[in-house]
Amino acid sequence: MYTSTQAAPVKTYFKIKKDGINLDRYLARIGYDGDTTPTLRTLQELHYYHTLTFPFENLNPFLKRPVPLDVETLQRKMVEDFRGGYCFEQNTLFSHVLQALGFTVRGLAARVLWNVPAGVTTARAHMLLLVEIEGEEFIADVGFGGLTLTSPLRLHDQSEQETSHETFRIVALEEEYVLQAKVQDTWKPLYQFGLQEQVTQDYEVYNWFTSTHPRSPFVNGLLVAKTTPDARYCLRNNELSVHYVNGKSKRQIITTPTQLITVLKKGFDLPIPNTPEMDKALHLILQPVN
């Protein structure tokens, strides 16, 4: 697996600015010291560095713990405590960062289509961002797990748009749009979204359902993903997949809780609590399916 480049934790109390974000601590956490003016280049750089730094993970709902979306909690969890999060956490934090830097940002919601049978309608349970720069609109999304964008995409460009990892395209569909990714030369739909702005109260409802509903995959299983410059690492319960940018892939089945803990700590840079609660949860996902 890849070698962690995570810096040693900084033992300090961050100062909360009026919008709740301490930009210096966030930028230090992602290792970015470039220009911060609200330009496309800045958005591209921040988007890339964010996705390489914060793993996608659902440890809180998996352990039946709450998932707060206030910016102070998100900064403490992800920046200070070296955790990750899922879409509502990742994109909420990123939205606050962008707005603090002067970007015009609007929150959107999407219906996930990835691995969903044709004809099945899902709820709007995914968060993404619309960023406007000099009159042009871009989609930013740092929280879609194993296929998280590593770069923003032009909303009104339906041609193929390359990123550092996959090629994507946005297809107009009546009054909405579908984001697709080219996977092994085949276009796969990821999600469908509209441009109606979502507010904090909307996301609180979506997040509560996602993090507490007994049939939610984030409650019933372990989902972790990490992007590196040359690969994507995905852990779904006890199956570890590695997809390299050169097209090669490999898979490994994890058979013991100790191995899972090692993968989470060393492979995904996650500080895993050594508690009976965690041990019980890991044992459950290792049970054979009848």
Protein backbone atom coordinates (compact mmCIF):
# COMPACT_ATOMS: atom_id res chain seq x y z
CA MET A 1 0.00 0.00 0.00
CA TYR A 2 1.04 3.59 -0.30
CA THR A 3 3.24 5.27 2.25
CA SER A 4 1.60 7.87 4.44
CA THR A 5 2.74 11.46 4.02
CA GLN A 6 0.64 12.72 6.89
CA ALA A 7 2.35 15.33 9.00
CA ALA A 8 2.57 15.00 12.75
CA PRO A 9 -0.45 16.50 14.56
CA VAL A 10 -0.03 20.08 15.67
CA LYS A 11 -0.96 20.47 19.33
CA THR A 12 -2.66 23.83 19.28
CA TYR A 13 -6.05 25.46 19.59
CA PHE A 14 -7.14 27.05 16.34
CA LYS A 15 -8.69 30.49 16.35
CA ILE A 16 -12.19 30.52 14.96
CA LYS A 17 -12.77 33.31 12.47
CA LYS A 18 -16.16 34.92 11.99
CA ASP A 19 -17.18 32.25 9.45
CA GLY A 20 -15.88 29.42 11.63
CA ILE A 21 -12.92 28.58 9.40
CA ASN A 22 -9.27 28.94 10.28
CA LEU A 23 -7.78 29.11 6.80
CA ASP A 24 -4.17 28.91 7.96
CA ARG A 25 -4.77 25.59 9.72
CA TYR A 26 -6.78 24.19 6.80
CA LEU A 27 -4.15 25.18 4.23
CA ALA A 28 -1.38 23.77 6.40
CA ARG A 29 -3.33 20.50 6.77
CA ILE A 30 -3.61 20.03 3.00
CA GLY A 31 -0.04 21.21 2.42
CA TYR A 32 -0.97 24.15 0.19
CA ASP A 33 1.04 27.37 0.20
CA GLY A 34 0.08 28.78 -3.21
CA ASP A 35 -2.08 31.67 -4.33
CA THR A 36 -5.44 32.02 -2.56
CA THR A 37 -7.14 34.61 -4.75
CA PRO A 38 -10.54 33.33 -5.98
CA THR A 39 -9.47 32.21 -9.46
CA LEU A 40 -9.99 28.98 -11.39
CA ARG A 41 -6.38 27.98 -10.82
CA THR A 42 -6.81 28.38 -7.06
CA LEU A 43 -10.01 26.32 -7.11
CA GLN A 44 -8.27 23.59 -9.11
CA GLU A 45 -5.31 23.48 -6.73
CA LEU A 46 -7.41 23.46 -3.55
CA HIS A 47 -9.73 20.80 -4.97
CA TYR A 48 -6.78 18.55 -5.81
CA TYR A 49 -4.94 19.02 -2.51
CA HIS A 50 -8.14 18.49 -0.50
CA THR A 51 -8.90 15.17 -2.18
CA LEU A 52 -5.37 13.91 -1.64
CA THR A 53 -5.50 14.82 2.06
CA PHE A 54 -8.87 13.84 3.48
CA PRO A 55 -10.08 10.24 3.18
CA PHE A 56 -13.70 9.52 2.47
CA GLU A 57 -14.95 7.58 5.51
CA ASN A 58 -18.11 6.76 7.42
CA LEU A 59 -16.72 5.70 10.80
CA ASN A 60 -19.17 7.84 12.76
CA PRO A 61 -22.42 6.38 11.34
CA PHE A 62 -20.80 2.94 11.19
CA LEU A 63 -20.22 3.18 14.96
CA LYS A 64 -23.69 4.72 15.50
CA ARG A 65 -22.20 8.09 16.38
CA PRO A 66 -23.65 11.48 15.34
CA VAL A 67 -22.40 13.32 12.25
CA PRO A 68 -22.55 17.07 13.04
CA LEU A 69 -22.22 19.48 10.12
CA ASP A 70 -21.33 22.70 11.91
CA VAL A 71 -18.06 24.09 10.63
CA GLU A 72 -16.32 24.17 14.02
CA THR A 73 -16.89 20.43 14.51
CA LEU A 74 -15.85 19.66 10.94
CA GLN A 75 -12.63 21.62 11.26
CA ARG A 76 -11.82 19.98 14.56
CA LYS A 77 -12.56 16.50 13.23
CA MET A 78 -10.93 16.73 9.81
CA VAL A 79 -8.19 19.33 10.25
CA GLU A 80 -7.14 18.95 13.87
CA ASP A 81 -7.94 15.28 14.51
CA PHE A 82 -6.79 13.94 11.10
CA ARG A 83 -10.13 12.33 10.24
CA GLY A 84 -12.05 12.32 6.99
CA GLY A 85 -15.76 12.29 6.27
CA TYR A 86 -18.42 11.62 3.70
CA CYS A 87 -20.03 14.00 1.19
CA PHE A 88 -21.92 16.27 3.58
CA GLU A 89 -18.87 16.73 5.78
CA GLN A 90 -16.30 17.06 3.00
CA ASN A 91 -18.24 19.46 0.82
CA THR A 92 -19.57 21.53 3.72
CA LEU A 93 -16.03 22.13 4.95
CA PHE A 94 -14.78 22.84 1.42
CA SER A 95 -17.65 25.25 0.82
CA HIS A 96 -16.75 27.26 3.92
CA VAL A 97 -13.11 27.38 2.82
CA LEU A 98 -14.02 28.62 -0.65
CA GLN A 99 -16.44 31.23 0.65
CA ALA A 100 -13.88 32.50 3.13
CA LEU A 101 -11.50 33.01 0.21
CA GLY A 102 -14.07 35.02 -1.74
CA PHE A 103 -15.54 32.39 -4.08
CA THR A 104 -19.24 32.42 -4.95
CA VAL A 105 -20.53 28.99 -3.92
CA ARG A 106 -23.94 27.34 -4.02
CA GLY A 107 -24.80 23.98 -2.51
CA LEU A 108 -26.60 21.42 -4.70
CA ALA A 109 -28.05 17.94 -4.18
CA ALA A 110 -27.91 14.83 -6.37
CA ARG A 111 -29.50 11.42 -6.79
CA VAL A 112 -26.78 8.77 -6.80
CA LEU A 113 -26.81 6.53 -9.91
CA TRP A 114 -23.51 4.70 -9.37
CA ASN A 115 -24.17 0.95 -8.92
CA VAL A 116 -27.92 1.60 -8.92
CA PRO A 117 -30.08 -0.57 -11.25
CA ALA A 118 -31.62 1.24 -14.21
CA GLY A 119 -35.09 2.57 -13.46
CA VAL A 120 -34.53 2.85 -9.70
CA THR A 121 -35.02 6.37 -8.35
CA THR A 122 -32.91 7.25 -5.34
CA ALA A 123 -33.35 10.14 -2.91
CA ARG A 124 -31.32 13.32 -3.25
CA ALA A 125 -28.73 12.15 -0.76
CA HIS A 126 -25.48 13.49 -2.18
CA MET A 127 -24.03 16.97 -1.76
CA LEU A 128 -21.98 18.82 -4.39
CA LEU A 129 -21.05 22.45 -5.02
CA LEU A 130 -21.60 24.95 -7.79
CA VAL A 131 -18.82 27.55 -7.96
CA GLU A 132 -19.05 30.66 -10.13
CA ILE A 133 -15.83 32.27 -11.37
CA GLU A 134 -15.94 35.31 -13.66
CA GLY A 135 -19.39 34.38 -14.97
CA GLU A 136 -18.57 30.71 -15.61
CA GLU A 137 -20.03 27.88 -13.52
CA PHE A 138 -18.06 24.88 -12.28
CA ILE A 139 -19.04 21.72 -10.40
CA ALA A 140 -16.84 20.98 -7.38
CA ASP A 141 -17.20 17.76 -5.41
CA VAL A 142 -14.60 16.48 -2.94
CA GLY A 143 -16.83 13.83 -1.36
CA PHE A 144 -17.90 11.05 -3.76
CA GLY A 145 -15.80 8.25 -2.33
CA GLY A 146 -13.92 6.02 -4.76
CA LEU A 147 -14.63 8.27 -7.75
CA THR A 148 -14.30 11.68 -6.12
CA LEU A 149 -13.42 14.41 -8.59
CA THR A 150 -9.82 15.56 -8.28
CA SER A 151 -10.59 18.73 -10.23
CA PRO A 152 -13.66 20.93 -10.76
CA LEU A 153 -15.58 20.49 -14.02
CA ARG A 154 -17.13 23.09 -16.31
CA LEU A 155 -20.89 22.76 -15.93
CA HIS A 156 -21.87 23.78 -19.45
CA ASP A 157 -19.17 21.84 -21.29
CA GLN A 158 -20.56 18.48 -22.42
CA SER A 159 -17.30 17.32 -23.96
CA GLU A 160 -14.92 14.96 -22.18
CA GLN A 161 -13.12 16.67 -19.29
CA GLU A 162 -9.90 15.07 -18.11
CA THR A 163 -8.70 15.09 -14.51
CA SER A 164 -5.54 13.69 -12.95
CA HIS A 165 -7.32 10.35 -12.52
CA GLU A 166 -10.41 9.72 -14.67
CA THR A 167 -12.14 11.40 -17.58
CA PHE A 168 -15.59 12.80 -16.84
CA ARG A 169 -18.42 14.48 -18.72
CA ILE A 170 -21.57 16.32 -17.71
CA VAL A 171 -24.61 15.45 -19.82
CA ALA A 172 -27.62 17.78 -19.92
CA LEU A 173 -30.88 15.92 -19.21
CA GLU A 174 -34.00 18.10 -19.58
CA GLU A 175 -33.66 20.52 -16.66
CA GLU A 176 -30.99 18.53 -14.86
CA TYR A 177 -27.53 17.09 -15.46
CA VAL A 178 -25.87 13.69 -15.16
CA LEU A 179 -22.24 13.32 -14.18
CA GLN A 180 -20.56 10.38 -15.89
CA ALA A 181 -17.11 8.84 -15.54
CA LYS A 182 -15.24 6.83 -18.14
CA VAL A 183 -14.45 3.51 -16.47
CA GLN A 184 -12.56 0.99 -18.63
CA ASP A 185 -13.67 2.84 -21.78
CA THR A 186 -17.33 2.75 -20.74
CA TRP A 187 -19.31 5.77 -19.58
CA LYS A 188 -20.84 5.12 -16.16
CA PRO A 189 -23.38 7.48 -14.52
CA LEU A 190 -22.38 8.70 -11.07
CA TYR A 191 -25.27 10.98 -10.12
CA GLN A 192 -28.01 13.26 -11.42
CA PHE A 193 -28.35 16.79 -10.10
CA GLY A 194 -30.29 20.01 -10.59
CA LEU A 195 -29.32 23.59 -9.91
CA GLN A 196 -31.81 24.35 -7.13
CA GLU A 197 -29.84 25.75 -4.22
CA GLN A 198 -29.82 23.68 -1.04
CA VAL A 199 -29.49 25.33 2.35
CA THR A 200 -28.15 24.10 5.67
CA GLN A 201 -31.56 22.85 6.80
CA ASP A 202 -31.85 20.68 3.67
CA TYR A 203 -28.48 19.06 4.29
CA GLU A 204 -29.31 18.46 7.94
CA VAL A 205 -32.30 16.36 6.85
CA TYR A 206 -30.35 14.46 4.17
CA ASN A 207 -27.47 13.90 6.57
CA TRP A 208 -29.71 12.67 9.38
CA PHE A 209 -31.31 10.10 7.06
CA THR A 210 -27.95 8.97 5.64
CA SER A 211 -26.29 8.63 9.04
CA THR A 212 -29.13 7.01 11.01
CA HIS A 213 -31.57 5.12 8.76
CA PRO A 214 -31.33 1.38 9.46
CA ARG A 215 -31.08 0.61 5.73
CA SER A 216 -28.44 3.23 4.99
CA PRO A 217 -25.20 1.69 3.64
CA PHE A 218 -23.30 4.16 5.80
CA VAL A 219 -24.89 2.67 8.91
CA ASN A 220 -24.63 -0.98 7.94
CA GLY A 221 -21.13 -1.17 6.48
CA LEU A 222 -17.67 0.31 6.37
CA LEU A 223 -16.88 2.55 3.39
CA VAL A 224 -13.46 4.19 3.11
CA ALA A 225 -11.65 5.66 0.11
CA LYS A 226 -8.40 7.52 -0.41
CA THR A 227 -6.92 9.21 -3.47
CA THR A 228 -3.20 9.41 -4.10
CA PRO A 229 -1.42 10.89 -7.13
CA ASP A 230 -1.14 7.47 -8.80
CA ALA A 231 -4.05 5.43 -7.45
CA ARG A 232 -7.38 5.18 -5.71
CA TYR A 233 -7.75 2.95 -2.64
CA CYS A 234 -11.22 1.75 -1.68
CA LEU A 235 -12.28 -0.34 1.30
CA ARG A 236 -15.82 -1.72 1.32
CA ASN A 237 -16.25 -3.73 4.51
CA ASN A 238 -13.42 -6.27 4.21
CA GLU A 239 -12.66 -5.91 0.49
CA LEU A 240 -9.74 -3.66 -0.38
CA SER A 241 -9.46 -2.47 -3.99
CA VAL A 242 -6.64 -0.49 -5.56
CA HIS A 243 -7.16 1.16 -8.94
CA TYR A 244 -4.05 2.67 -10.51
CA VAL A 245 -4.11 5.54 -12.99
CA ASN A 246 -2.29 3.31 -15.48
CA GLY A 247 -5.39 1.10 -15.64
CA LYS A 248 -4.24 -1.78 -13.45
CA SER A 249 -6.25 -2.91 -10.43
CA LYS A 250 -5.91 -5.38 -7.59
CA ARG A 251 -8.12 -6.65 -4.80
CA GLN A 252 -7.55 -8.15 -1.38
CA ILE A 253 -9.95 -9.74 1.08
CA ILE A 254 -9.26 -8.82 4.71
CA THR A 255 -9.93 -11.69 7.09
CA THR A 256 -9.27 -10.39 10.62
CA PRO A 257 -10.10 -7.25 12.64
CA THR A 258 -6.37 -6.72 13.25
CA GLN A 259 -5.73 -6.59 9.51
CA LEU A 260 -8.60 -4.14 9.07
CA ILE A 261 -7.22 -1.86 11.76
CA THR A 262 -3.80 -1.94 10.09
CA VAL A 263 -5.27 -1.07 6.70
CA LEU A 264 -7.29 1.81 8.14
CA LYS A 265 -4.34 3.21 10.07
CA LYS A 266 -1.49 2.70 7.62
CA GLY A 267 -3.33 2.63 4.32
CA PHE A 268 -5.86 5.39 4.92
CA ASP A 269 -4.09 7.48 7.58
CA LEU A 270 -7.04 7.21 9.96
CA PRO A 271 -6.66 7.34 13.76
CA ILE A 272 -8.78 4.33 14.70
CA PRO A 273 -10.11 4.11 18.26
CA ASN A 274 -9.10 0.94 20.09
CA THR A 275 -12.45 0.33 21.76
CA PRO A 276 -14.79 -2.65 22.30
CA GLU A 277 -17.30 -0.76 20.13
CA MET A 278 -14.91 -0.72 17.18
CA ASP A 279 -13.84 -4.33 17.71
CA LYS A 280 -17.47 -5.50 17.74
CA ALA A 281 -18.31 -3.54 14.58
CA LEU A 282 -15.33 -4.93 12.68
CA HIS A 283 -16.16 -8.50 13.73
CA LEU A 284 -19.70 -8.04 12.40
CA ILE A 285 -18.61 -7.05 8.89
CA LEU A 286 -16.26 -10.03 8.76
CA GLN A 287 -19.08 -12.51 9.35
CA PRO A 288 -19.92 -14.64 6.28
CA VAL A 289 -23.20 -13.79 4.55
CA ASN A 290 -25.73 -16.63 4.77
